[in-house]
Amino acid sequence: MSNAVRQGLFTIGYVAVGLVAVVAVGYFNHNLRFFQLPEPMTSFLILGLMGALIYASVQMRGAGYAVVVIAFWCLLRAAMNGELLSLAGPAAYALPVGFALMAAA
C-alpha cells in the first residue's frame, strides 16, 4: 500500500471517528433537538470535522498544516455567523480550541 493511500485512509478514519464522537456528545446534550437543522447539529459537526482534520494533519504532516486548518476554521465560523468583517468573535473561539486540539494531537 502506498504512503498516499495509507494517509488518505487514516484521514478518513480520523474524520469518521471525530464525527461519531461529536454526534454522540451532541445527542447526549440536546437529545432529539440535536437533529434539528441548522443549530445545534451544524456547529457540532463542524467542530468534529475540524478537530479530526487538525489531528490528522498533525499526525501525518506536522503542526504547520494544522495551523492552516485552524485558520480555515476561523474563517468558516465567521462566514457561518455572518461576521466576515469582524473576526474577533470567531477567532476567540477557533484559535484556543484549535491550538488545544493541536497540542493534544
PDB file of N, CA and C in Angstrom:
ATOM      1  N   MET A   1       0.852  -1.164   0.000  1.00  0.00           N
ATOM      2  CA  MET A   1       0.000   0.000   0.000  1.00  0.00           C
ATOM      3  C   MET A   1       0.905   1.236   0.000  1.00  0.00           C
ATOM      4  N   SER A   2       0.614   2.173  -0.874  1.00  0.00           N
ATOM      5  CA  SER A   2       1.455   3.364  -0.961  1.00  0.00           C
ATOM      6  C   SER A   2       1.195   4.286   0.226  1.00  0.00           C
ATOM      7  N   ASN A   3       2.119   5.177   0.441  1.00  0.00           N
ATOM      8  CA  ASN A   3       2.029   6.099   1.569  1.00  0.00           C
ATOM      9  C   ASN A   3       0.831   7.039   1.417  1.00  0.00           C
ATOM     10  N   ALA A   4       0.540   7.481   0.207  1.00  0.00           N
ATOM     11  CA  ALA A   4      -0.583   8.389  -0.017  1.00  0.00           C
ATOM     12  C   ALA A   4      -1.916   7.711   0.280  1.00  0.00           C
ATOM     13  N   VAL A   5      -2.054   6.460  -0.117  1.00  0.00           N
ATOM     14  CA  VAL A   5      -3.295   5.722   0.155  1.00  0.00           C
ATOM     15  C   VAL A   5      -3.450   5.504   1.651  1.00  0.00           C
ATOM     16  N   ARG A   6      -2.355   5.162   2.312  1.00  0.00           N
ATOM     17  CA  ARG A   6      -2.408   4.949   3.759  1.00  0.00           C
ATOM     18  C   ARG A   6      -2.803   6.231   4.489  1.00  0.00           C
ATOM     19  N   GLN A   7      -2.219   7.360   4.082  1.00  0.00           N
ATOM     20  CA  GLN A   7      -2.562   8.628   4.718  1.00  0.00           C
ATOM     21  C   GLN A   7      -4.013   9.011   4.446  1.00  0.00           C
ATOM     22  N   GLY A   8      -4.489   8.743   3.243  1.00  0.00           N
ATOM     23  CA  GLY A   8      -5.878   9.030   2.920  1.00  0.00           C
ATOM     24  C   GLY A   8      -6.847   8.208   3.751  1.00  0.00           C
ATOM     25  N   LEU A   9      -6.552   6.929   3.916  1.00  0.00           N
ATOM     26  CA  LEU A   9      -7.417   6.072   4.725  1.00  0.00           C
ATOM     27  C   LEU A   9      -7.402   6.466   6.191  1.00  0.00           C
ATOM     28  N   PHE A  10      -6.227   6.822   6.701  1.00  0.00           N
ATOM     29  CA  PHE A  10      -6.160   7.279   8.087  1.00  0.00           C
ATOM     30  C   PHE A  10      -6.932   8.582   8.275  1.00  0.00           C
ATOM     31  N   THR A  11      -6.847   9.498   7.331  1.00  0.00           N
ATOM     32  CA  THR A  11      -7.582  10.755   7.440  1.00  0.00           C
ATOM     33  C   THR A  11      -9.084  10.505   7.421  1.00  0.00           C
ATOM     34  N   ILE A  12      -9.539   9.635   6.548  1.00  0.00           N
ATOM     35  CA  ILE A  12     -10.967   9.297   6.515  1.00  0.00           C
ATOM     36  C   ILE A  12     -11.388   8.649   7.833  1.00  0.00           C
ATOM     37  N   GLY A  13     -10.552   7.809   8.385  1.00  0.00           N
ATOM     38  CA  GLY A  13     -10.850   7.197   9.679  1.00  0.00           C
ATOM     39  C   GLY A  13     -10.920   8.217  10.800  1.00  0.00           C
ATOM     40  N   TYR A  14      -9.964   9.156  10.832  1.00  0.00           N
ATOM     41  CA  TYR A  14      -9.985  10.209  11.852  1.00  0.00           C
ATOM     42  C   TYR A  14     -11.248  11.049  11.751  1.00  0.00           C
ATOM     43  N   VAL A  15     -11.642  11.398  10.535  1.00  0.00           N
ATOM     44  CA  VAL A  15     -12.845  12.207  10.341  1.00  0.00           C
ATOM     45  C   VAL A  15     -14.079  11.425  10.780  1.00  0.00           C
ATOM     46  N   ALA A  16     -14.154  10.158  10.451  1.00  0.00           N
ATOM     47  CA  ALA A  16     -15.310   9.341  10.848  1.00  0.00           C
ATOM     48  C   ALA A  16     -15.413   9.240  12.364  1.00  0.00           C
ATOM     49  N   VAL A  17     -14.301   8.989  13.024  1.00  0.00           N
ATOM     50  CA  VAL A  17     -14.319   8.894  14.493  1.00  0.00           C
ATOM     51  C   VAL A  17     -14.686  10.242  15.111  1.00  0.00           C
ATOM     52  N   GLY A  18     -14.147  11.329  14.578  1.00  0.00           N
ATOM     53  CA  GLY A  18     -14.477  12.659  15.093  1.00  0.00           C
ATOM     54  C   GLY A  18     -15.949  12.984  14.946  1.00  0.00           C
ATOM     55  N   LEU A  19     -16.532  12.646  13.796  1.00  0.00           N
ATOM     56  CA  LEU A  19     -17.946  12.935  13.582  1.00  0.00           C
ATOM     57  C   LEU A  19     -18.846  12.069  14.452  1.00  0.00           C
ATOM     58  N   VAL A  20     -18.489  10.812  14.627  1.00  0.00           N
ATOM     59  CA  VAL A  20     -19.273   9.937  15.505  1.00  0.00           C
ATOM     60  C   VAL A  20     -19.214  10.447  16.946  1.00  0.00           C
ATOM     61  N   ALA A  21     -18.046  10.891  17.373  1.00  0.00           N
ATOM     62  CA  ALA A  21     -17.895  11.395  18.738  1.00  0.00           C
ATOM     63  C   ALA A  21     -18.739  12.642  18.981  1.00  0.00           C
ATOM     64  N   VAL A  22     -18.722  13.595  18.062  1.00  0.00           N
ATOM     65  CA  VAL A  22     -19.499  14.816  18.302  1.00  0.00           C
ATOM     66  C   VAL A  22     -20.996  14.577  18.159  1.00  0.00           C
ATOM     67  N   VAL A  23     -21.403  13.636  17.325  1.00  0.00           N
ATOM     68  CA  VAL A  23     -22.828  13.308  17.256  1.00  0.00           C
ATOM     69  C   VAL A  23     -23.277  12.691  18.579  1.00  0.00           C
ATOM     70  N   ALA A  24     -22.458  11.829  19.157  1.00  0.00           N
ATOM     71  CA  ALA A  24     -22.805  11.233  20.450  1.00  0.00           C
ATOM     72  C   ALA A  24     -22.879  12.295  21.552  1.00  0.00           C
ATOM     73  N   VAL A  25     -21.900  13.167  21.608  1.00  0.00           N
ATOM     74  CA  VAL A  25     -21.901  14.221  22.630  1.00  0.00           C
ATOM     75  C   VAL A  25     -23.064  15.183  22.408  1.00  0.00           C
ATOM     76  N   GLY A  26     -23.304  15.570  21.165  1.00  0.00           N
ATOM     77  CA  GLY A  26     -24.423  16.467  20.871  1.00  0.00           C
ATOM     78  C   GLY A  26     -25.759  15.845  21.205  1.00  0.00           C
ATOM     79  N   TYR A  27     -25.918  14.566  20.940  1.00  0.00           N
ATOM     80  CA  TYR A  27     -27.168  13.890  21.267  1.00  0.00           C
ATOM     81  C   TYR A  27     -27.362  13.808  22.778  1.00  0.00           C
ATOM     82  N   PHE A  28     -26.294  13.551  23.524  1.00  0.00           N
ATOM     83  CA  PHE A  28     -26.415  13.488  24.985  1.00  0.00           C
ATOM     84  C   PHE A  28     -26.750  14.855  25.567  1.00  0.00           C
ATOM     85  N   ASN A  29     -26.268  15.926  24.958  1.00  0.00           N
ATOM     86  CA  ASN A  29     -26.537  17.274  25.458  1.00  0.00           C
ATOM     87  C   ASN A  29     -27.916  17.786  25.060  1.00  0.00           C
ATOM     88  N   HIS A  30     -28.373  17.488  23.848  1.00  0.00           N
ATOM     89  CA  HIS A  30     -29.582  18.103  23.316  1.00  0.00           C
ATOM     90  C   HIS A  30     -30.702  17.113  23.021  1.00  0.00           C
ATOM     91  N   ASN A  31     -30.508  15.833  23.255  1.00  0.00           N
ATOM     92  CA  ASN A  31     -31.491  14.783  22.958  1.00  0.00           C
ATOM     93  C   ASN A  31     -31.956  14.866  21.510  1.00  0.00           C
ATOM     94  N   LEU A  32     -33.240  14.726  21.231  1.00  0.00           N
ATOM     95  CA  LEU A  32     -33.724  14.719  19.854  1.00  0.00           C
ATOM     96  C   LEU A  32     -33.672  16.096  19.212  1.00  0.00           C
ATOM     97  N   ARG A  33     -33.578  17.149  20.012  1.00  0.00           N
ATOM     98  CA  ARG A  33     -33.471  18.502  19.475  1.00  0.00           C
ATOM     99  C   ARG A  33     -32.153  18.691  18.721  1.00  0.00           C
ATOM    100  N   PHE A  34     -31.189  17.820  18.965  1.00  0.00           N
ATOM    101  CA  PHE A  34     -29.897  17.899  18.297  1.00  0.00           C
ATOM    102  C   PHE A  34     -30.019  17.765  16.790  1.00  0.00           C
ATOM    103  N   PHE A  35     -30.972  16.973  16.318  1.00  0.00           N
ATOM    104  CA  PHE A  35     -31.099  16.688  14.897  1.00  0.00           C
ATOM    105  C   PHE A  35     -31.898  17.738  14.131  1.00  0.00           C
ATOM    106  N   GLN A  36     -32.295  18.825  14.780  1.00  0.00           N
ATOM    107  CA  GLN A  36     -32.983  19.909  14.096  1.00  0.00           C
ATOM    108  C   GLN A  36     -31.941  20.840  13.490  1.00  0.00           C
ATOM    109  N   LEU A  37     -31.990  20.986  12.181  1.00  0.00           N
ATOM    110  CA  LEU A  37     -31.036  21.860  11.495  1.00  0.00           C
ATOM    111  C   LEU A  37     -31.531  23.290  11.551  1.00  0.00           C
ATOM    112  N   PRO A  38     -30.747  24.306  11.507  1.00  0.00           N
ATOM    113  CA  PRO A  38     -29.304  24.293  11.366  1.00  0.00           C
ATOM    114  C   PRO A  38     -28.556  24.205  12.687  1.00  0.00           C
ATOM    115  N   GLU A  39     -29.154  24.601  13.771  1.00  0.00           N
ATOM    116  CA  GLU A  39     -28.457  24.544  15.054  1.00  0.00           C
ATOM    117  C   GLU A  39     -29.115  23.498  15.917  1.00  0.00           C
ATOM    118  N   PRO A  40     -28.451  22.855  16.790  1.00  0.00           N
ATOM    119  CA  PRO A  40     -27.039  22.858  17.142  1.00  0.00           C
ATOM    120  C   PRO A  40     -26.203  21.847  16.369  1.00  0.00           C
ATOM    121  N   MET A  41     -26.837  21.082  15.492  1.00  0.00           N
ATOM    122  CA  MET A  41     -26.131  19.996  14.814  1.00  0.00           C
ATOM    123  C   MET A  41     -24.973  20.497  13.956  1.00  0.00           C
ATOM    124  N   THR A  42     -25.159  21.599  13.261  1.00  0.00           N
ATOM    125  CA  THR A  42     -24.131  22.077  12.350  1.00  0.00           C
ATOM    126  C   THR A  42     -22.857  22.444  13.083  1.00  0.00           C
ATOM    127  N   SER A  43     -22.986  23.144  14.195  1.00  0.00           N
ATOM    128  CA  SER A  43     -21.781  23.547  14.925  1.00  0.00           C
ATOM    129  C   SER A  43     -21.041  22.344  15.500  1.00  0.00           C
ATOM    130  N   PHE A  44     -21.770  21.337  15.952  1.00  0.00           N
ATOM    131  CA  PHE A  44     -21.120  20.132  16.453  1.00  0.00           C
ATOM    132  C   PHE A  44     -20.405  19.379  15.333  1.00  0.00           C
ATOM    133  N   LEU A  45     -21.035  19.264  14.177  1.00  0.00           N
ATOM    134  CA  LEU A  45     -20.415  18.544  13.065  1.00  0.00           C
ATOM    135  C   LEU A  45     -19.168  19.262  12.552  1.00  0.00           C
ATOM    136  N   ILE A  46     -19.208  20.582  12.510  1.00  0.00           N
ATOM    137  CA  ILE A  46     -18.027  21.330  12.072  1.00  0.00           C
ATOM    138  C   ILE A  46     -16.909  21.194  13.092  1.00  0.00           C
ATOM    139  N   LEU A  47     -17.248  21.207  14.373  1.00  0.00           N
ATOM    140  CA  LEU A  47     -16.237  21.002  15.416  1.00  0.00           C
ATOM    141  C   LEU A  47     -15.583  19.633  15.263  1.00  0.00           C
ATOM    142  N   GLY A  48     -16.370  18.601  15.040  1.00  0.00           N
ATOM    143  CA  GLY A  48     -15.808  17.264  14.863  1.00  0.00           C
ATOM    144  C   GLY A  48     -14.972  17.143  13.609  1.00  0.00           C
ATOM    145  N   LEU A  49     -15.445  17.738  12.524  1.00  0.00           N
ATOM    146  CA  LEU A  49     -14.700  17.690  11.269  1.00  0.00           C
ATOM    147  C   LEU A  49     -13.368  18.426  11.394  1.00  0.00           C
ATOM    148  N   MET A  50     -13.381  19.614  11.944  1.00  0.00           N
ATOM    149  CA  MET A  50     -12.142  20.375  12.071  1.00  0.00           C
ATOM    150  C   MET A  50     -11.193  19.736  13.090  1.00  0.00           C
ATOM    151  N   GLY A  51     -11.738  19.196  14.164  1.00  0.00           N
ATOM    152  CA  GLY A  51     -10.887  18.500  15.133  1.00  0.00           C
ATOM    153  C   GLY A  51     -10.207  17.294  14.527  1.00  0.00           C
ATOM    154  N   ALA A  52     -10.958  16.549  13.738  1.00  0.00           N
ATOM    155  CA  ALA A  52     -10.371  15.378  13.073  1.00  0.00           C
ATOM    156  C   ALA A  52      -9.325  15.790  12.049  1.00  0.00           C
ATOM    157  N   LEU A  53      -9.589  16.864  11.307  1.00  0.00           N
ATOM    158  CA  LEU A  53      -8.610  17.328  10.331  1.00  0.00           C
ATOM    159  C   LEU A  53      -7.356  17.873  10.998  1.00  0.00           C
ATOM    160  N   ILE A  54      -7.514  18.542  12.137  1.00  0.00           N
ATOM    161  CA  ILE A  54      -6.344  19.028  12.878  1.00  0.00           C
ATOM    162  C   ILE A  54      -5.521  17.840  13.368  1.00  0.00           C
ATOM    163  N   TYR A  55      -6.182  16.850  13.938  1.00  0.00           N
ATOM    164  CA  TYR A  55      -5.468  15.678  14.436  1.00  0.00           C
ATOM    165  C   TYR A  55      -4.767  14.938  13.292  1.00  0.00           C
ATOM    166  N   ALA A  56      -5.483  14.770  12.181  1.00  0.00           N
ATOM    167  CA  ALA A  56      -4.886  14.067  11.037  1.00  0.00           C
ATOM    168  C   ALA A  56      -3.708  14.832  10.467  1.00  0.00           C
ATOM    169  N   SER A  57      -3.817  16.152  10.385  1.00  0.00           N
ATOM    170  CA  SER A  57      -2.714  16.928   9.817  1.00  0.00           C
ATOM    171  C   SER A  57      -1.496  16.905  10.725  1.00  0.00           C
ATOM    172  N   VAL A  58      -1.684  16.916  12.039  1.00  0.00           N
ATOM    173  CA  VAL A  58      -0.537  16.835  12.952  1.00  0.00           C
ATOM    174  C   VAL A  58       0.104  15.457  12.866  1.00  0.00           C
ATOM    175  N   GLN A  59      -0.699  14.417  12.817  1.00  0.00           N
ATOM    176  CA  GLN A  59      -0.165  13.057  12.784  1.00  0.00           C
ATOM    177  C   GLN A  59       0.530  12.738  11.459  1.00  0.00           C
ATOM    178  N   MET A  60       0.008  13.269  10.365  1.00  0.00           N
ATOM    179  CA  MET A  60       0.523  12.894   9.054  1.00  0.00           C
ATOM    180  C   MET A  60       1.577  13.864   8.516  1.00  0.00           C
ATOM    181  N   ARG A  61       1.359  15.154   8.696  1.00  0.00           N
ATOM    182  CA  ARG A  61       2.202  16.143   8.031  1.00  0.00           C
ATOM    183  C   ARG A  61       2.970  17.052   8.976  1.00  0.00           C
ATOM    184  N   GLY A  62       2.481  17.287  10.177  1.00  0.00           N
ATOM    185  CA  GLY A  62       3.151  18.187  11.099  1.00  0.00           C
ATOM    186  C   GLY A  62       2.244  19.341  11.499  1.00  0.00           C
ATOM    187  N   ALA A  63       2.728  20.133  12.430  1.00  0.00           N
ATOM    188  CA  ALA A  63       1.918  21.193  13.019  1.00  0.00           C
ATOM    189  C   ALA A  63       1.638  22.336  12.046  1.00  0.00           C
ATOM    190  N   GLY A  64       2.467  22.538  11.052  1.00  0.00           N
ATOM    191  CA  GLY A  64       2.254  23.625  10.106  1.00  0.00           C
ATOM    192  C   GLY A  64       0.943  23.504   9.343  1.00  0.00           C
ATOM    193  N   TYR A  65       0.576  22.303   8.981  1.00  0.00           N
ATOM    194  CA  TYR A  65      -0.679  22.094   8.282  1.00  0.00           C
ATOM    195  C   TYR A  65      -1.873  22.284   9.215  1.00  0.00           C
ATOM    196  N   ALA A  66      -1.695  21.993  10.484  1.00  0.00           N
ATOM    197  CA  ALA A  66      -2.778  22.186  11.448  1.00  0.00           C
ATOM    198  C   ALA A  66      -3.101  23.665  11.611  1.00  0.00           C
ATOM    199  N   VAL A  67      -2.105  24.521  11.527  1.00  0.00           N
ATOM    200  CA  VAL A  67      -2.340  25.959  11.635  1.00  0.00           C
ATOM    201  C   VAL A  67      -3.201  26.441  10.463  1.00  0.00           C
ATOM    202  N   VAL A  68      -2.988  25.888   9.288  1.00  0.00           N
ATOM    203  CA  VAL A  68      -3.812  26.238   8.126  1.00  0.00           C
ATOM    204  C   VAL A  68      -5.256  25.793   8.346  1.00  0.00           C
ATOM    205  N   VAL A  69      -5.457  24.613   8.914  1.00  0.00           N
ATOM    206  CA  VAL A  69      -6.809  24.126   9.195  1.00  0.00           C
ATOM    207  C   VAL A  69      -7.480  25.017  10.239  1.00  0.00           C
ATOM    208  N   ILE A  70      -6.737  25.462  11.249  1.00  0.00           N
ATOM    209  CA  ILE A  70      -7.296  26.348  12.275  1.00  0.00           C
ATOM    210  C   ILE A  70      -7.699  27.690  11.659  1.00  0.00           C
ATOM    211  N   ALA A  71      -6.880  28.223  10.777  1.00  0.00           N
ATOM    212  CA  ALA A  71      -7.223  29.486  10.109  1.00  0.00           C
ATOM    213  C   ALA A  71      -8.479  29.313   9.248  1.00  0.00           C
ATOM    214  N   PHE A  72      -8.578  28.189   8.539  1.00  0.00           N
ATOM    215  CA  PHE A  72      -9.775  27.912   7.750  1.00  0.00           C
ATOM    216  C   PHE A  72     -10.998  27.793   8.647  1.00  0.00           C
ATOM    217  N   TRP A  73     -10.842  27.165   9.808  1.00  0.00           N
ATOM    218  CA  TRP A  73     -11.940  27.012  10.762  1.00  0.00           C
ATOM    219  C   TRP A  73     -12.411  28.372  11.242  1.00  0.00           C
ATOM    220  N   CYS A  74     -11.484  29.272  11.509  1.00  0.00           N
ATOM    221  CA  CYS A  74     -11.834  30.620  11.944  1.00  0.00           C
ATOM    222  C   CYS A  74     -12.639  31.339  10.863  1.00  0.00           C
ATOM    223  N   LEU A  75     -12.216  31.243   9.623  1.00  0.00           N
ATOM    224  CA  LEU A  75     -12.954  31.872   8.529  1.00  0.00           C
ATOM    225  C   LEU A  75     -14.322  31.227   8.320  1.00  0.00           C
ATOM    226  N   LEU A  76     -14.404  29.916   8.489  1.00  0.00           N
ATOM    227  CA  LEU A  76     -15.680  29.223   8.344  1.00  0.00           C
ATOM    228  C   LEU A  76     -16.663  29.660   9.424  1.00  0.00           C
ATOM    229  N   ARG A  77     -16.192  29.795  10.648  1.00  0.00           N
ATOM    230  CA  ARG A  77     -17.065  30.268  11.728  1.00  0.00           C
ATOM    231  C   ARG A  77     -17.518  31.695  11.482  1.00  0.00           C
ATOM    232  N   ALA A  78     -16.633  32.532  10.950  1.00  0.00           N
ATOM    233  CA  ALA A  78     -17.015  33.912  10.639  1.00  0.00           C
ATOM    234  C   ALA A  78     -18.078  33.942   9.544  1.00  0.00           C
ATOM    235  N   ALA A  79     -17.939  33.087   8.552  1.00  0.00           N
ATOM    236  CA  ALA A  79     -18.923  33.037   7.472  1.00  0.00           C
ATOM    237  C   ALA A  79     -20.267  32.499   7.970  1.00  0.00           C
ATOM    238  N   MET A  80     -20.240  31.536   8.859  1.00  0.00           N
ATOM    239  CA  MET A  80     -21.486  30.984   9.395  1.00  0.00           C
ATOM    240  C   MET A  80     -22.228  31.995  10.252  1.00  0.00           C
ATOM    241  N   ASN A  81     -21.477  32.818  10.987  1.00  0.00           N
ATOM    242  CA  ASN A  81     -22.099  33.805  11.861  1.00  0.00           C
ATOM    243  C   ASN A  81     -22.449  35.087  11.120  1.00  0.00           C
ATOM    244  N   GLY A  82     -21.995  35.231   9.894  1.00  0.00           N
ATOM    245  CA  GLY A  82     -22.254  36.437   9.138  1.00  0.00           C
ATOM    246  C   GLY A  82     -21.363  37.594   9.538  1.00  0.00           C
ATOM    247  N   GLU A  83     -20.258  37.306  10.207  1.00  0.00           N
ATOM    248  CA  GLU A  83     -19.344  38.337  10.687  1.00  0.00           C
ATOM    249  C   GLU A  83     -18.057  38.334   9.867  1.00  0.00           C
ATOM    250  N   LEU A  84     -18.159  38.489   8.583  1.00  0.00           N
ATOM    251  CA  LEU A  84     -16.971  38.407   7.751  1.00  0.00           C
ATOM    252  C   LEU A  84     -16.012  39.573   7.990  1.00  0.00           C
ATOM    253  N   LEU A  85     -16.518  40.719   8.394  1.00  0.00           N
ATOM    254  CA  LEU A  85     -15.651  41.866   8.636  1.00  0.00           C
ATOM    255  C   LEU A  85     -15.044  41.838  10.031  1.00  0.00           C
ATOM    256  N   SER A  86     -15.692  41.178  10.960  1.00  0.00           N
ATOM    257  CA  SER A  86     -15.183  41.107  12.325  1.00  0.00           C
ATOM    258  C   SER A  86     -14.800  39.666  12.641  1.00  0.00           C
ATOM    259  N   LEU A  87     -13.530  39.411  12.715  1.00  0.00           N
ATOM    260  CA  LEU A  87     -13.050  38.063  13.010  1.00  0.00           C
ATOM    261  C   LEU A  87     -12.751  37.862  14.491  1.00  0.00           C
ATOM    262  N   ALA A  88     -13.033  38.850  15.327  1.00  0.00           N
ATOM    263  CA  ALA A  88     -12.687  38.752  16.744  1.00  0.00           C
ATOM    264  C   ALA A  88     -13.463  37.634  17.446  1.00  0.00           C
ATOM    265  N   GLY A  89     -14.754  37.553  17.210  1.00  0.00           N
ATOM    266  CA  GLY A  89     -15.563  36.524  17.868  1.00  0.00           C
ATOM    267  C   GLY A  89     -15.198  35.118  17.430  1.00  0.00           C
ATOM    268  N   PRO A  90     -15.194  34.852  16.132  1.00  0.00           N
ATOM    269  CA  PRO A  90     -14.800  33.512  15.688  1.00  0.00           C
ATOM    270  C   PRO A  90     -13.357  33.158  16.037  1.00  0.00           C
ATOM    271  N   ALA A  91     -12.471  34.143  16.000  1.00  0.00           N
ATOM    272  CA  ALA A  91     -11.073  33.867  16.345  1.00  0.00           C
ATOM    273  C   ALA A  91     -10.924  33.562  17.832  1.00  0.00           C
ATOM    274  N   ALA A  92     -11.737  34.218  18.667  1.00  0.00           N
ATOM    275  CA  ALA A  92     -11.675  33.961  20.110  1.00  0.00           C
ATOM    276  C   ALA A  92     -12.098  32.536  20.440  1.00  0.00           C
ATOM    277  N   TYR A  93     -12.888  31.925  19.575  1.00  0.00           N
ATOM    278  CA  TYR A  93     -13.283  30.539  19.785  1.00  0.00           C
ATOM    279  C   TYR A  93     -12.360  29.564  19.051  1.00  0.00           C
ATOM    280  N   ALA A  94     -12.123  29.822  17.779  1.00  0.00           N
ATOM    281  CA  ALA A  94     -11.409  28.858  16.947  1.00  0.00           C
ATOM    282  C   ALA A  94      -9.932  28.731  17.312  1.00  0.00           C
ATOM    283  N   LEU A  95      -9.286  29.825  17.645  1.00  0.00           N
ATOM    284  CA  LEU A  95      -7.840  29.752  17.920  1.00  0.00           C
ATOM    285  C   LEU A  95      -7.522  28.970  19.194  1.00  0.00           C
ATOM    286  N   PRO A  96      -8.128  29.275  20.355  1.00  0.00           N
ATOM    287  CA  PRO A  96      -7.785  28.473  21.543  1.00  0.00           C
ATOM    288  C   PRO A  96      -8.183  27.012  21.429  1.00  0.00           C
ATOM    289  N   VAL A  97      -9.377  26.769  20.892  1.00  0.00           N
ATOM    290  CA  VAL A  97      -9.824  25.383  20.752  1.00  0.00           C
ATOM    291  C   VAL A  97      -8.958  24.639  19.740  1.00  0.00           C
ATOM    292  N   GLY A  98      -8.644  25.301  18.634  1.00  0.00           N
ATOM    293  CA  GLY A  98      -7.810  24.677  17.612  1.00  0.00           C
ATOM    294  C   GLY A  98      -6.401  24.363  18.101  1.00  0.00           C
ATOM    295  N   PHE A  99      -5.794  25.313  18.813  1.00  0.00           N
ATOM    296  CA  PHE A  99      -4.451  25.057  19.315  1.00  0.00           C
ATOM    297  C   PHE A  99      -4.442  24.026  20.440  1.00  0.00           C
ATOM    298  N   ALA A 100      -5.539  23.968  21.210  1.00  0.00           N
ATOM    299  CA  ALA A 100      -5.642  22.921  22.235  1.00  0.00           C
ATOM    300  C   ALA A 100      -5.750  21.541  21.573  1.00  0.00           C
ATOM    301  N   LEU A 101      -6.533  21.442  20.502  1.00  0.00           N
ATOM    302  CA  LEU A 101      -6.624  20.180  19.766  1.00  0.00           C
ATOM    303  C   LEU A 101      -5.275  19.814  19.134  1.00  0.00           C
ATOM    304  N   MET A 102      -4.588  20.837  18.633  1.00  0.00           N
ATOM    305  CA  MET A 102      -3.288  20.579  18.032  1.00  0.00           C
ATOM    306  C   MET A 102      -2.278  20.112  19.088  1.00  0.00           C
ATOM    307  N   ALA A 103      -2.331  20.694  20.277  1.00  0.00           N
ATOM    308  CA  ALA A 103      -1.427  20.268  21.353  1.00  0.00           C
ATOM    309  C   ALA A 103      -1.764  18.850  21.811  1.00  0.00           C
ATOM    310  N   ALA A 104      -3.054  18.513  21.805  1.00  0.00           N
ATOM    311  CA  ALA A 104      -3.453  17.165  22.211  1.00  0.00           C
ATOM    312  C   ALA A 104      -3.024  16.121  21.188  1.00  0.00           C
ATOM    313  N   ALA A 105      -2.932  16.524  19.940  1.00  0.00           N
ATOM    314  CA  ALA A 105      -2.547  15.579  18.893  1.00  0.00           C
ATOM    315  C   ALA A 105      -1.067  15.290  18.996  1.00  0.00           C
TER     316      ALA A 105
END
